[in-house]
N, C-alpha and C. Protein backbone atom coordinates (compact mmCIF):
# COMPACT_ATOMS: atom_id res chain seq x y z
N UNK A 1 0.84 -1.17 0.00
CA UNK A 1 0.00 0.00 0.00
C UNK A 1 0.89 1.24 0.00
N UNK A 2 0.59 2.15 -0.85
CA UNK A 2 1.39 3.37 -0.99
C UNK A 2 1.04 4.36 0.12
N UNK A 3 2.01 5.15 0.48
CA UNK A 3 1.81 6.17 1.50
C UNK A 3 1.60 7.51 0.82
N UNK A 4 0.57 8.22 1.23
CA UNK A 4 0.40 9.57 0.72
C UNK A 4 0.37 10.54 1.91
N UNK A 5 0.56 11.79 1.62
CA UNK A 5 0.71 12.78 2.68
C UNK A 5 -0.54 13.61 2.88
N UNK A 6 -1.69 13.10 2.47
CA UNK A 6 -2.92 13.88 2.59
C UNK A 6 -3.21 14.28 4.03
N UNK A 7 -3.16 13.32 4.93
CA UNK A 7 -3.46 13.60 6.34
C UNK A 7 -2.48 14.59 6.95
N UNK A 8 -1.22 14.41 6.61
CA UNK A 8 -0.18 15.31 7.12
C UNK A 8 -0.40 16.73 6.62
N UNK A 9 -0.70 16.87 5.33
CA UNK A 9 -0.90 18.20 4.76
C UNK A 9 -2.16 18.87 5.28
N UNK A 10 -3.23 18.09 5.49
CA UNK A 10 -4.46 18.66 6.05
C UNK A 10 -4.22 19.15 7.48
N UNK A 11 -3.51 18.33 8.27
CA UNK A 11 -3.20 18.73 9.65
C UNK A 11 -2.31 19.96 9.66
N UNK A 12 -1.32 20.00 8.79
CA UNK A 12 -0.42 21.15 8.72
C UNK A 12 -1.19 22.41 8.33
N UNK A 13 -2.11 22.28 7.39
CA UNK A 13 -2.90 23.43 6.96
C UNK A 13 -3.77 23.96 8.09
N UNK A 14 -4.40 23.07 8.86
CA UNK A 14 -5.23 23.50 9.99
C UNK A 14 -4.39 24.17 11.07
N UNK A 15 -3.23 23.59 11.35
CA UNK A 15 -2.35 24.16 12.37
C UNK A 15 -1.83 25.53 11.93
N UNK A 16 -1.50 25.67 10.64
CA UNK A 16 -1.05 26.97 10.13
C UNK A 16 -2.15 28.01 10.22
N UNK A 17 -3.41 27.62 9.98
CA UNK A 17 -4.53 28.56 10.10
C UNK A 17 -4.72 29.01 11.54
N UNK A 18 -4.64 28.09 12.48
CA UNK A 18 -4.77 28.43 13.90
C UNK A 18 -3.65 29.37 14.31
N UNK A 19 -2.44 29.08 13.83
CA UNK A 19 -1.30 29.93 14.18
C UNK A 19 -1.45 31.33 13.60
N UNK A 20 -1.95 31.44 12.36
CA UNK A 20 -2.16 32.77 11.76
C UNK A 20 -3.20 33.58 12.54
N UNK A 21 -4.22 32.91 13.07
CA UNK A 21 -5.26 33.62 13.83
C UNK A 21 -4.73 34.17 15.14
N UNK A 22 -3.88 33.42 15.82
CA UNK A 22 -3.51 33.77 17.19
C UNK A 22 -2.10 34.31 17.36
N UNK A 23 -1.26 34.24 16.35
CA UNK A 23 0.13 34.68 16.47
C UNK A 23 0.23 36.20 16.39
N UNK A 24 0.94 36.78 17.33
CA UNK A 24 1.22 38.22 17.33
C UNK A 24 2.71 38.40 17.58
N UNK A 25 3.47 38.85 16.59
CA UNK A 25 4.92 39.01 16.80
C UNK A 25 5.19 40.09 17.85
N UNK A 26 6.21 39.86 18.63
CA UNK A 26 6.68 40.80 19.65
C UNK A 26 5.64 41.04 20.75
N UNK A 27 4.73 40.10 20.94
CA UNK A 27 3.76 40.20 22.01
C UNK A 27 3.76 38.90 22.81
N UNK A 28 2.80 38.80 23.70
CA UNK A 28 2.71 37.62 24.55
C UNK A 28 2.29 36.38 23.76
N UNK A 29 1.65 36.56 22.62
CA UNK A 29 1.17 35.43 21.83
C UNK A 29 2.19 35.03 20.77
N UNK A 30 3.35 34.59 21.21
CA UNK A 30 4.36 34.11 20.27
C UNK A 30 3.99 32.68 19.86
N UNK A 31 4.80 32.06 19.02
CA UNK A 31 4.49 30.70 18.55
C UNK A 31 4.40 29.72 19.71
N UNK A 32 5.26 29.88 20.71
CA UNK A 32 5.24 28.94 21.83
C UNK A 32 3.94 29.05 22.63
N UNK A 33 3.44 30.26 22.79
CA UNK A 33 2.17 30.44 23.51
C UNK A 33 0.99 29.91 22.69
N UNK A 34 1.03 30.09 21.38
CA UNK A 34 -0.02 29.54 20.53
C UNK A 34 -0.01 28.02 20.63
N UNK A 35 1.18 27.44 20.61
CA UNK A 35 1.29 25.99 20.75
C UNK A 35 0.77 25.53 22.10
N UNK A 36 1.16 26.24 23.15
CA UNK A 36 0.79 25.84 24.51
C UNK A 36 -0.71 25.93 24.75
N UNK A 37 -1.35 26.99 24.24
CA UNK A 37 -2.76 27.23 24.56
C UNK A 37 -3.74 26.64 23.54
N UNK A 38 -3.34 26.50 22.28
CA UNK A 38 -4.29 26.08 21.26
C UNK A 38 -3.94 24.75 20.59
N UNK A 39 -2.68 24.52 20.29
CA UNK A 39 -2.30 23.35 19.50
C UNK A 39 -2.11 22.11 20.37
N UNK A 40 -1.36 22.24 21.45
CA UNK A 40 -1.05 21.08 22.28
C UNK A 40 -2.29 20.41 22.85
N UNK A 41 -3.28 21.16 23.37
CA UNK A 41 -4.48 20.48 23.88
C UNK A 41 -5.30 19.81 22.78
N UNK A 42 -5.29 20.36 21.58
CA UNK A 42 -6.11 19.84 20.50
C UNK A 42 -5.44 18.68 19.77
N UNK A 43 -4.16 18.82 19.42
CA UNK A 43 -3.46 17.83 18.61
C UNK A 43 -2.48 16.97 19.41
N UNK A 44 -2.04 17.44 20.56
CA UNK A 44 -1.13 16.65 21.40
C UNK A 44 0.24 16.44 20.80
N UNK A 45 0.73 17.38 20.02
CA UNK A 45 2.05 17.23 19.41
C UNK A 45 3.08 18.07 20.18
N UNK A 46 4.33 17.74 19.99
CA UNK A 46 5.40 18.48 20.67
C UNK A 46 5.64 19.81 19.96
N UNK A 47 6.42 20.66 20.61
CA UNK A 47 6.72 21.97 20.04
C UNK A 47 7.54 21.83 18.76
N UNK A 48 8.46 20.90 18.74
CA UNK A 48 9.29 20.68 17.55
C UNK A 48 8.43 20.22 16.37
N UNK A 49 7.47 19.33 16.62
CA UNK A 49 6.56 18.89 15.57
C UNK A 49 5.69 20.04 15.09
N UNK A 50 5.25 20.89 16.02
CA UNK A 50 4.46 22.07 15.68
C UNK A 50 5.24 22.98 14.72
N UNK A 51 6.52 23.18 14.99
CA UNK A 51 7.34 24.01 14.10
C UNK A 51 7.50 23.37 12.72
N UNK A 52 7.56 22.03 12.66
CA UNK A 52 7.63 21.34 11.37
C UNK A 52 6.34 21.54 10.58
N UNK A 53 5.20 21.52 11.28
CA UNK A 53 3.93 21.76 10.61
C UNK A 53 3.86 23.19 10.06
N UNK A 54 4.43 24.14 10.78
CA UNK A 54 4.42 25.52 10.30
C UNK A 54 5.26 25.68 9.04
N UNK A 55 6.32 24.88 8.90
CA UNK A 55 7.20 24.98 7.74
C UNK A 55 6.71 24.15 6.56
N UNK A 56 5.72 23.30 6.77
CA UNK A 56 5.24 22.42 5.70
C UNK A 56 4.60 23.23 4.59
N UNK A 57 4.84 22.80 3.36
CA UNK A 57 4.27 23.48 2.19
C UNK A 57 2.92 22.85 1.88
N UNK A 58 1.85 23.60 2.06
CA UNK A 58 0.51 23.10 1.77
C UNK A 58 0.16 23.40 0.32
N UNK A 59 -1.04 23.06 -0.10
CA UNK A 59 -1.46 23.25 -1.49
C UNK A 59 -1.42 24.71 -1.90
N UNK A 60 -1.68 25.62 -0.97
CA UNK A 60 -1.67 27.05 -1.28
C UNK A 60 -0.25 27.53 -1.60
N UNK A 61 0.74 26.93 -0.97
CA UNK A 61 2.12 27.36 -1.12
C UNK A 61 2.80 26.77 -2.36
N UNK A 62 2.22 25.72 -2.91
CA UNK A 62 2.86 25.03 -4.03
C UNK A 62 2.65 25.78 -5.33
N UNK A 63 3.64 25.69 -6.19
CA UNK A 63 3.54 26.27 -7.53
C UNK A 63 2.84 25.27 -8.45
N UNK A 64 2.13 25.75 -9.45
CA UNK A 64 1.51 24.81 -10.39
C UNK A 64 2.53 23.97 -11.14
N UNK A 65 3.74 24.46 -11.29
CA UNK A 65 4.76 23.71 -12.00
C UNK A 65 5.30 22.55 -11.17
N UNK A 66 5.00 22.49 -9.87
CA UNK A 66 5.46 21.39 -9.03
C UNK A 66 4.84 20.06 -9.44
N UNK A 67 3.63 20.10 -9.99
CA UNK A 67 2.94 18.87 -10.36
C UNK A 67 3.37 18.35 -11.73
N UNK A 68 4.01 19.17 -12.50
CA UNK A 68 4.44 18.78 -13.83
C UNK A 68 5.69 17.91 -13.75
N UNK A 69 6.05 17.36 -14.87
CA UNK A 69 7.26 16.55 -14.94
C UNK A 69 8.49 17.43 -14.69
N UNK A 70 9.45 16.87 -14.03
CA UNK A 70 10.67 17.62 -13.74
C UNK A 70 11.44 17.92 -15.01
N UNK A 71 12.07 19.07 -15.04
CA UNK A 71 12.87 19.44 -16.20
C UNK A 71 14.35 19.42 -15.81
N UNK A 72 15.18 19.29 -16.79
CA UNK A 72 16.61 19.23 -16.53
C UNK A 72 17.22 20.60 -16.33
N UNK A 73 16.61 21.64 -16.90
CA UNK A 73 17.19 22.96 -16.80
C UNK A 73 16.21 23.96 -16.28
């Protein structure tokens, strides 16, 4: 059975949306506080995993050329 990343990408997209709603740079609501108050109780993931989800490229971030065949140049 082949492995696909649908579940991972959906979870990453939801976590990124929650982070965008609650993150305030240079305030009390930094990424760690968002993780502590919103992500950890809901998803139960570690802070390091949370940061990996934030860096994940979801469908919105992908270029249309990513789905095409690779080119040499």
